[in-house]
Amino acid sequence: METEKPIAHRYNRMRSPGFLKSWSFEIGNRVGDLKFAEVRKKELQFHPTSTLKMVTRTVDLRSDTVTKPSDVMRTAMANADVDDDVLGSDPTAFRLESEMAKVMGKEAAVFVPSGTMANLISVLVHCEVRGSEVILGDDSHIHVYENGGISTIGGVHPKTIPNNPDGTMDIDKIEEAIRKPKDSLYYPTTMLICLENTQANCGGRCLSVEYTDRVGEIAKKHGLKLHIDGARIFNASVALGVPVDRLVRAADSVSVCLSKGLGAPAGSVIVGSEKFIVKARRLRKALGGCMRQVGVLCAAAYVALRDNVSKLEDDHRKAKLFADGLSKIEQFSVDTASVETNMVFCTIIDTSILTPERLCEVLEERGVLVLPTSSSSIRIVLHYQISESDAQYALTCIKQAVHQILGEASPKQAI
């Protein structure tokens, strides 16, 4: 039997280009080595003679999905009263679903493993006939980041409308896009409109209740349904000062992610009418989303819903402070007025030397993790496990990283 290689050997192998390439992944046009970073960090703890700088503090600003379960969540998970949810008898799942339906002002709810599945199920329930059409934003999560599931799995045609910088789609363009071909053989039939609140790719912008109501009126006028991708709907509710049930009143269905700003380890909930949720449960089963003793996850989600909504306002405050700090760095451009929730998008003015990829690489060496979002921008996401001290530390590291990168490119002084 081959003996395990010494740590130094394994570490050197991890530094090789081939190993790095095997661990790299792509997000749209973004490339990183985040999995490698996690392994490297663990190796450094046992390999202090490495020439790389020891990371003593980690501030993870890649997303609000990176939160770890709190001690209260872990206790709730360990003590959860569970049963077989596929048979409809898990009491903790039932408690979470009932509470979510009540909070959202809808008749019923169902727990699903992920936000992508929540949106997929919702679209497929509303668009039961293959070849139906859904109107949605060209920068929406459903259209960009969910692997084209509504078309590849559901046979639903996406009709995209340009998202404005504030996350909305023009009302007149939505109405113009609606197609009811009747006897025509050329066009799909529009069945659904999808909104996203908050709109992540537009910087976490909030859709107002007035706008949502207006889209709901258009949907009803044409006999369509309205679905809201509410992955961060509680962020929008807090930022706008509007109760969440009022914010989604016009919607026929809403998906709510529990593992983003609310901080649960996994899961989303779909809410809607009793009839809608009955169909959603059948699709959840068909898609492999039914789980047995799912109350273990629902217990943590219930704690998140109960305890963490009130913390979102502080996340928004920290994001504004972070945006203000970034705006003072001359190499960056930040629209501070557009920071409404917990996201900050930062544009690098001149990328001839300072690129998002290089900046993220240098920041990682200092224990600060952020994501490049394009060839000229990065995204920072605040959450309740990032303290104000963490935010200040990250800002300091960003300033140092910019100085280091620009310094590396400067001609060396003659000796």
Protein backbone atom coordinates (compact mmCIF):
# COMPACT_ATOMS: atom_id res chain seq x y z
CA MET A 1 0.00 0.00 0.00
CA GLU A 2 1.30 3.45 -0.90
CA THR A 3 2.03 5.57 2.13
CA GLU A 4 0.65 9.08 2.36
CA LYS A 5 2.98 11.72 0.97
CA PRO A 6 4.38 14.24 3.47
CA ILE A 7 2.55 17.52 3.77
CA ALA A 8 5.36 19.47 2.10
CA HIS A 9 5.10 17.23 -0.98
CA ARG A 10 1.33 17.61 -1.15
CA TYR A 11 1.62 21.37 -0.75
CA ASN A 12 4.17 21.69 -3.56
CA ARG A 13 1.92 19.59 -5.81
CA MET A 14 -0.95 21.94 -5.03
CA ARG A 15 1.15 24.91 -6.19
CA SER A 16 1.76 23.36 -9.62
CA PRO A 17 -0.05 24.86 -12.65
CA GLY A 18 -1.73 21.54 -13.45
CA PHE A 19 -3.25 21.29 -10.00
CA LEU A 20 -4.39 24.91 -10.07
CA LYS A 21 -6.04 24.38 -13.43
CA SER A 22 -7.91 21.32 -12.18
CA TRP A 23 -9.34 23.28 -9.26
CA SER A 24 -10.30 26.39 -11.21
CA PHE A 25 -13.91 27.11 -12.04
CA GLU A 26 -15.79 29.60 -14.15
CA ILE A 27 -18.75 31.80 -13.21
CA GLY A 28 -19.91 33.48 -16.39
CA ASN A 29 -16.75 35.32 -17.45
CA ARG A 30 -15.26 35.16 -13.97
CA VAL A 31 -12.41 32.79 -13.13
CA GLY A 32 -11.08 31.96 -9.68
CA ASP A 33 -9.39 29.32 -7.57
CA LEU A 34 -11.53 29.52 -4.46
CA LYS A 35 -11.61 25.80 -3.71
CA PHE A 36 -7.82 25.74 -3.95
CA ALA A 37 -7.71 28.70 -1.58
CA GLU A 38 -9.60 26.75 1.07
CA VAL A 39 -7.30 23.74 0.76
CA ARG A 40 -4.20 25.95 0.70
CA LYS A 41 -5.32 27.72 3.86
CA LYS A 42 -5.59 24.38 5.68
CA GLU A 43 -2.18 23.27 4.41
CA LEU A 44 -0.55 26.49 5.60
CA GLN A 45 -1.64 25.74 9.15
CA PHE A 46 0.63 22.66 9.05
CA HIS A 47 3.36 24.10 6.85
CA PRO A 48 4.60 27.29 8.54
CA THR A 49 7.91 27.23 6.64
CA SER A 50 6.10 28.10 3.40
CA THR A 51 7.29 31.25 1.67
CA LEU A 52 3.69 32.44 1.38
CA LYS A 53 2.39 34.86 3.97
CA MET A 54 0.40 33.23 6.75
CA VAL A 55 -3.28 34.25 6.66
CA THR A 56 -4.42 35.04 10.18
CA ARG A 57 -7.86 36.47 9.41
CA THR A 58 -10.46 35.61 6.80
CA VAL A 59 -13.20 38.00 5.67
CA ASP A 60 -15.42 36.29 3.11
CA LEU A 61 -17.33 38.84 1.04
CA ARG A 62 -18.04 36.65 -1.99
CA SER A 63 -21.72 36.28 -1.15
CA ASP A 64 -24.23 36.15 1.68
CA THR A 65 -24.46 32.42 0.94
CA VAL A 66 -21.17 31.75 2.76
CA THR A 67 -22.54 32.15 6.29
CA LYS A 68 -22.06 29.27 8.71
CA PRO A 69 -24.91 27.94 10.89
CA SER A 70 -25.03 29.73 14.23
CA ASP A 71 -24.85 27.85 17.52
CA VAL A 72 -28.59 28.37 17.94
CA MET A 73 -29.20 26.85 14.50
CA ARG A 74 -26.95 23.89 15.25
CA THR A 75 -28.79 23.23 18.51
CA ALA A 76 -32.14 23.46 16.75
CA MET A 77 -30.94 21.02 14.08
CA ALA A 78 -29.69 18.55 16.67
CA ASN A 79 -32.96 18.66 18.59
CA ALA A 80 -35.36 18.85 15.64
CA ASP A 81 -38.54 16.79 15.81
CA VAL A 82 -38.44 14.95 12.47
CA ASP A 83 -40.35 12.40 10.43
CA ASP A 84 -40.65 11.40 6.78
CA ASP A 85 -41.48 14.54 4.80
CA VAL A 86 -42.03 12.57 1.59
CA LEU A 87 -44.98 11.05 3.42
CA GLY A 88 -45.97 14.53 4.58
CA SER A 89 -45.35 13.89 8.25
CA ASP A 90 -42.30 15.94 9.25
CA PRO A 91 -43.59 18.34 11.93
CA THR A 92 -40.66 20.76 11.71
CA ALA A 93 -41.04 21.11 7.94
CA PHE A 94 -44.76 21.71 8.42
CA ARG A 95 -44.05 24.40 11.03
CA LEU A 96 -41.63 26.25 8.73
CA GLU A 97 -43.95 26.05 5.73
CA SER A 98 -46.93 27.26 7.75
CA GLU A 99 -44.96 30.18 9.16
CA MET A 100 -43.60 31.20 5.76
CA ALA A 101 -47.06 31.14 4.20
CA LYS A 102 -48.35 33.32 7.03
CA VAL A 103 -45.46 35.80 6.85
CA MET A 104 -45.73 36.09 3.08
CA GLY A 105 -49.51 36.45 3.10
CA LYS A 106 -50.15 33.38 0.94
CA GLU A 107 -52.28 30.28 1.44
CA ALA A 108 -49.57 27.62 1.45
CA ALA A 109 -45.85 26.93 1.15
CA VAL A 110 -43.43 24.12 0.34
CA PHE A 111 -39.76 23.69 1.29
CA VAL A 112 -37.32 22.82 -1.52
CA PRO A 113 -33.55 22.23 -1.51
CA SER A 114 -32.51 25.31 -3.50
CA GLY A 115 -33.55 28.61 -5.01
CA THR A 116 -32.92 27.30 -8.51
CA MET A 117 -35.37 24.46 -7.93
CA ALA A 118 -37.85 26.87 -6.37
CA ASN A 119 -37.86 29.06 -9.47
CA LEU A 120 -37.91 26.09 -11.84
CA ILE A 121 -40.90 24.54 -10.10
CA SER A 122 -42.75 27.85 -10.00
CA VAL A 123 -42.25 28.52 -13.71
CA LEU A 124 -43.25 24.98 -14.68
CA VAL A 125 -46.44 25.08 -12.61
CA HIS A 126 -47.52 28.32 -14.26
CA CYS A 127 -46.42 27.15 -17.74
CA GLU A 128 -47.86 23.65 -17.80
CA VAL A 129 -48.03 23.45 -21.60
CA ARG A 130 -44.66 22.95 -23.29
CA GLY A 131 -43.87 25.82 -25.60
CA SER A 132 -45.33 28.41 -23.25
CA GLU A 133 -43.46 31.69 -22.84
CA VAL A 134 -42.24 33.61 -19.80
CA ILE A 135 -41.27 37.30 -19.81
CA LEU A 136 -38.29 38.10 -17.59
CA GLY A 137 -35.29 40.41 -17.26
CA ASP A 138 -32.23 39.82 -19.42
CA ASP A 139 -30.06 40.15 -16.30
CA SER A 140 -32.30 38.08 -14.04
CA HIS A 141 -31.02 35.15 -12.02
CA ILE A 142 -33.47 32.76 -13.68
CA HIS A 143 -32.22 33.73 -17.13
CA VAL A 144 -28.49 34.00 -16.43
CA TYR A 145 -27.57 31.63 -13.60
CA GLU A 146 -30.01 28.71 -13.54
CA ASN A 147 -28.56 26.64 -16.37
CA GLY A 148 -31.47 27.32 -18.71
CA GLY A 149 -33.59 24.88 -16.73
CA ILE A 150 -36.93 26.40 -17.65
CA SER A 151 -36.24 25.62 -21.31
CA THR A 152 -34.11 22.46 -21.13
CA ILE A 153 -36.36 20.75 -18.58
CA GLY A 154 -39.69 22.52 -18.92
CA GLY A 155 -39.81 23.48 -22.58
CA VAL A 156 -40.59 27.09 -21.59
CA HIS A 157 -39.42 29.85 -23.91
CA PRO A 158 -37.75 32.87 -22.22
CA LYS A 159 -38.69 36.27 -23.66
CA THR A 160 -36.20 38.73 -22.19
CA ILE A 161 -36.69 42.44 -21.55
CA PRO A 162 -33.68 44.67 -20.74
CA ASN A 163 -33.25 45.28 -17.03
CA ASN A 164 -32.83 48.95 -16.19
CA PRO A 165 -30.03 49.92 -13.77
CA ASP A 166 -32.59 49.99 -10.94
CA GLY A 167 -33.62 46.39 -11.61
CA THR A 168 -36.97 47.16 -13.23
CA MET A 169 -38.17 46.39 -16.73
CA ASP A 170 -40.08 49.09 -18.59
CA ILE A 171 -43.81 48.52 -18.14
CA ASP A 172 -44.59 49.34 -21.77
CA LYS A 173 -41.94 46.88 -22.99
CA ILE A 174 -43.42 44.14 -20.80
CA GLU A 175 -46.87 44.69 -22.25
CA GLU A 176 -45.54 44.89 -25.82
CA ALA A 177 -43.77 41.55 -25.34
CA ILE A 178 -46.94 39.64 -24.42
CA ARG A 179 -47.93 37.22 -27.16
CA LYS A 180 -51.34 35.57 -27.50
CA PRO A 181 -51.14 34.04 -30.96
CA LYS A 182 -54.58 32.32 -30.84
CA ASP A 183 -54.65 30.26 -34.04
CA SER A 184 -51.21 31.36 -35.29
CA LEU A 185 -48.61 28.62 -35.58
CA TYR A 186 -45.62 30.93 -35.44
CA TYR A 187 -45.35 32.15 -31.84
CA PRO A 188 -45.31 30.76 -28.31
CA THR A 189 -48.07 31.78 -25.91
CA THR A 190 -47.07 34.07 -23.04
CA MET A 191 -48.21 32.62 -19.71
CA LEU A 192 -46.02 34.23 -17.05
CA ILE A 193 -44.07 37.33 -16.01
CA CYS A 194 -41.13 36.97 -13.61
CA LEU A 195 -39.65 39.72 -11.45
CA GLU A 196 -36.60 39.55 -9.17
CA ASN A 197 -36.57 41.45 -5.88
CA THR A 198 -33.94 42.39 -4.93
CA GLN A 199 -32.30 42.38 -8.37
CA ALA A 200 -28.85 40.95 -7.72
CA ASN A 201 -27.08 41.72 -11.00
CA CYS A 202 -28.23 45.33 -10.75
CA GLY A 203 -26.53 45.67 -7.38
CA GLY A 204 -29.22 44.41 -5.02
CA ARG A 205 -31.70 47.09 -6.09
CA CYS A 206 -35.24 47.01 -4.69
CA LEU A 207 -38.43 46.91 -6.75
CA SER A 208 -41.01 49.20 -5.16
CA VAL A 209 -44.45 47.98 -4.16
CA GLU A 210 -45.96 50.43 -6.65
CA TYR A 211 -43.93 48.95 -9.51
CA THR A 212 -44.74 45.38 -8.50
CA ASP A 213 -48.44 46.20 -8.25
CA ARG A 214 -48.36 47.76 -11.71
CA VAL A 215 -46.77 44.65 -13.22
CA GLY A 216 -49.38 42.57 -11.41
CA GLU A 217 -52.13 44.64 -13.02
CA ILE A 218 -50.62 44.06 -16.47
CA ALA A 219 -50.49 40.32 -15.78
CA LYS A 220 -54.13 40.18 -14.73
CA LYS A 221 -55.23 42.30 -17.67
CA HIS A 222 -53.78 39.74 -20.07
CA GLY A 223 -54.64 36.60 -18.10
CA LEU A 224 -51.05 35.93 -17.06
CA LYS A 225 -49.47 34.88 -13.78
CA LEU A 226 -46.77 36.79 -11.87
CA HIS A 227 -43.88 35.04 -10.14
CA ILE A 228 -41.36 36.86 -7.96
CA ASP A 229 -37.88 35.47 -7.48
CA GLY A 230 -37.64 36.71 -3.92
CA ALA A 231 -34.30 35.16 -3.03
CA ARG A 232 -33.58 38.36 -1.07
CA ILE A 233 -37.14 39.63 -0.68
CA PHE A 234 -36.62 40.30 3.03
CA ASN A 235 -33.72 42.62 2.16
CA ALA A 236 -36.09 44.54 -0.10
CA SER A 237 -38.79 44.65 2.58
CA VAL A 238 -36.38 46.03 5.18
CA ALA A 239 -34.78 48.55 2.81
CA LEU A 240 -38.13 49.85 1.55
CA GLY A 241 -39.82 49.79 4.95
CA VAL A 242 -42.71 47.79 3.47
CA PRO A 243 -44.08 44.60 5.11
CA VAL A 244 -43.05 41.61 3.04
CA ASP A 245 -46.61 40.36 2.59
CA ARG A 246 -47.61 43.73 1.12
CA LEU A 247 -44.55 43.76 -1.14
CA VAL A 248 -45.59 40.46 -2.78
CA ARG A 249 -49.35 40.87 -2.69
CA ALA A 250 -49.61 41.10 -6.49
CA ALA A 251 -47.65 37.89 -7.03
CA ASP A 252 -49.21 34.50 -7.68
CA SER A 253 -46.07 32.79 -6.39
CA VAL A 254 -42.85 33.77 -4.65
CA SER A 255 -39.61 31.87 -4.07
CA VAL A 256 -37.71 32.82 -0.91
CA CYS A 257 -34.12 31.75 -0.32
CA LEU A 258 -33.30 30.90 3.28
CA SER A 259 -29.53 30.53 2.85
CA LYS A 260 -28.64 34.02 1.64
CA GLY A 261 -29.17 37.04 3.90
CA LEU A 262 -31.17 35.01 6.42
CA GLY A 263 -28.19 32.72 6.97
CA ALA A 264 -29.70 29.22 7.01
CA PRO A 265 -27.39 26.46 5.75
CA ALA A 266 -29.68 25.39 2.90
CA GLY A 267 -33.10 25.57 1.33
CA SER A 268 -35.77 27.79 -0.15
CA VAL A 269 -39.53 28.03 0.25
CA ILE A 270 -42.14 28.55 -2.46
CA VAL A 271 -45.38 30.26 -1.45
CA GLY A 272 -48.65 30.58 -3.33
CA SER A 273 -52.23 29.36 -3.40
CA GLU A 274 -53.22 25.93 -2.08
CA LYS A 275 -53.82 24.71 -5.63
CA PHE A 276 -50.47 26.02 -6.80
CA ILE A 277 -48.56 24.38 -3.93
CA VAL A 278 -50.24 21.00 -4.56
CA LYS A 279 -48.83 21.09 -8.09
CA ALA A 280 -45.49 22.36 -6.79
CA ARG A 281 -45.20 19.37 -4.47
CA ARG A 282 -45.72 16.97 -7.37
CA LEU A 283 -43.01 18.70 -9.39
CA ARG A 284 -40.68 18.72 -6.39
CA LYS A 285 -41.02 14.93 -6.30
CA ALA A 286 -40.44 14.60 -10.05
CA LEU A 287 -37.30 16.73 -9.86
CA GLY A 288 -35.84 14.76 -6.95
CA GLY A 289 -36.39 17.51 -4.41
CA CYS A 290 -38.29 15.48 -1.82
CA MET A 291 -36.23 14.58 1.25
CA ARG A 292 -36.99 12.39 4.24
CA GLN A 293 -36.14 13.86 7.66
CA VAL A 294 -35.85 17.35 6.19
CA GLY A 295 -36.82 18.90 9.52
CA VAL A 296 -33.11 18.98 10.34
CA LEU A 297 -32.70 21.70 7.70
CA CYS A 298 -36.08 23.31 8.37
CA ALA A 299 -35.19 23.76 12.04
CA ALA A 300 -32.21 25.93 11.11
CA ALA A 301 -34.29 27.80 8.55
CA TYR A 302 -36.95 28.54 11.17
CA VAL A 303 -34.30 30.05 13.45
CA ALA A 304 -33.02 32.14 10.53
CA LEU A 305 -36.52 33.44 9.79
CA ARG A 306 -37.18 34.18 13.45
CA ASP A 307 -33.85 35.75 14.40
CA ASN A 308 -32.10 37.18 11.35
CA VAL A 309 -34.58 39.36 9.47
CA SER A 310 -33.95 42.06 12.06
CA LYS A 311 -30.21 41.93 11.27
CA LEU A 312 -30.61 42.82 7.60
CA GLU A 313 -30.80 46.55 8.27
CA ASP A 314 -27.33 46.44 9.80
CA ASP A 315 -26.03 44.54 6.76
CA HIS A 316 -27.34 47.37 4.57
CA ARG A 317 -25.67 49.96 6.80
CA LYS A 318 -22.32 48.15 6.57
CA ALA A 319 -22.68 47.94 2.78
CA LYS A 320 -23.16 51.71 2.56
CA LEU A 321 -20.11 52.31 4.74
CA PHE A 322 -18.12 49.92 2.56
CA ALA A 323 -19.25 51.68 -0.61
CA ASP A 324 -18.24 55.04 0.86
CA GLY A 325 -14.80 53.64 1.69
CA LEU A 326 -14.29 52.21 -1.79
CA SER A 327 -15.38 55.47 -3.42
CA LYS A 328 -12.43 57.21 -1.75
CA ILE A 329 -9.94 54.99 -3.60
CA GLU A 330 -9.05 56.91 -6.76
CA GLN A 331 -8.72 53.80 -8.94
CA PHE A 332 -12.35 52.83 -8.27
CA SER A 333 -15.76 54.10 -9.32
CA VAL A 334 -18.69 53.29 -7.03
CA ASP A 335 -22.26 54.53 -7.38
CA THR A 336 -22.89 54.90 -3.66
CA ALA A 337 -26.45 56.15 -4.22
CA SER A 338 -27.38 52.81 -5.80
CA VAL A 339 -26.35 50.79 -2.73
CA GLU A 340 -29.77 49.97 -1.29
CA THR A 341 -29.22 46.63 0.40
CA ASN A 342 -26.20 44.42 1.16
CA MET A 343 -24.36 44.49 -2.18
CA VAL A 344 -21.64 46.79 -3.46
CA PHE A 345 -20.47 46.75 -7.08
CA CYS A 346 -17.14 48.46 -7.74
CA THR A 347 -15.75 49.37 -11.17
CA ILE A 348 -12.00 49.58 -11.76
CA ILE A 349 -11.41 52.71 -13.84
CA ASP A 350 -8.22 51.56 -15.61
CA THR A 351 -7.73 47.81 -15.98
CA SER A 352 -4.51 47.94 -17.97
CA ILE A 353 -2.61 47.06 -14.78
CA LEU A 354 -5.19 46.65 -12.02
CA THR A 355 -7.55 43.86 -13.09
CA PRO A 356 -10.36 42.27 -11.06
CA GLU A 357 -8.67 38.87 -11.23
CA ARG A 358 -5.32 40.16 -9.99
CA LEU A 359 -6.99 42.23 -7.27
CA CYS A 360 -8.93 39.20 -6.02
CA GLU A 361 -5.75 37.13 -6.07
CA VAL A 362 -3.80 39.61 -3.94
CA LEU A 363 -6.73 40.08 -1.58
CA GLU A 364 -6.96 36.33 -1.10
CA GLU A 365 -3.35 36.33 0.12
CA ARG A 366 -4.53 38.71 2.84
CA GLY A 367 -7.54 36.56 3.73
CA VAL A 368 -10.14 38.74 2.00
CA LEU A 369 -12.37 36.97 -0.52
CA VAL A 370 -14.37 38.89 -3.13
CA LEU A 371 -15.68 37.97 -6.59
CA PRO A 372 -14.86 39.54 -9.95
CA THR A 373 -18.12 40.17 -11.81
CA SER A 374 -16.74 41.31 -15.16
CA SER A 375 -13.47 42.30 -16.81
CA SER A 376 -13.62 45.61 -14.94
CA SER A 377 -15.64 45.12 -11.75
CA ILE A 378 -15.85 43.29 -8.44
CA ARG A 379 -18.75 42.54 -6.11
CA ILE A 380 -18.80 42.73 -2.32
CA VAL A 381 -21.68 41.24 -0.34
CA LEU A 382 -22.19 41.94 3.36
CA HIS A 383 -23.96 39.58 5.76
CA TYR A 384 -24.62 39.27 9.47
CA GLN A 385 -21.42 37.33 10.16
CA ILE A 386 -19.29 40.22 8.87
CA SER A 387 -18.60 42.69 11.67
CA GLU A 388 -17.84 46.37 11.19
CA SER A 389 -14.26 45.54 12.17
CA ASP A 390 -14.15 42.91 9.41
CA ALA A 391 -15.41 45.45 6.91
CA GLN A 392 -12.77 47.99 7.94
CA TYR A 393 -10.06 45.33 7.75
CA ALA A 394 -11.21 44.39 4.23
CA LEU A 395 -11.16 48.02 3.13
CA THR A 396 -7.62 48.41 4.45
CA CYS A 397 -6.56 45.25 2.61
CA ILE A 398 -8.11 46.52 -0.63
CA LYS A 399 -6.14 49.75 -0.37
CA GLN A 400 -2.94 47.79 0.31
CA ALA A 401 -3.64 45.40 -2.57
CA VAL A 402 -4.16 48.25 -5.03
CA HIS A 403 -0.90 49.86 -3.87
CA GLN A 404 0.96 46.54 -4.21
CA ILE A 405 -0.33 45.81 -7.73
CA LEU A 406 0.44 49.28 -9.02
CA GLY A 407 3.85 49.15 -7.35
CA GLU A 408 4.69 45.85 -9.05
CA ALA A 409 4.08 47.47 -12.43
CA SER A 410 6.24 50.55 -11.76
CA PRO A 411 9.79 50.61 -13.19
CA LYS A 412 12.31 49.53 -10.59
CA GLN A 413 14.54 52.27 -9.29
CA ALA A 414 18.14 52.05 -10.38
CA ILE A 415 20.47 50.94 -7.64
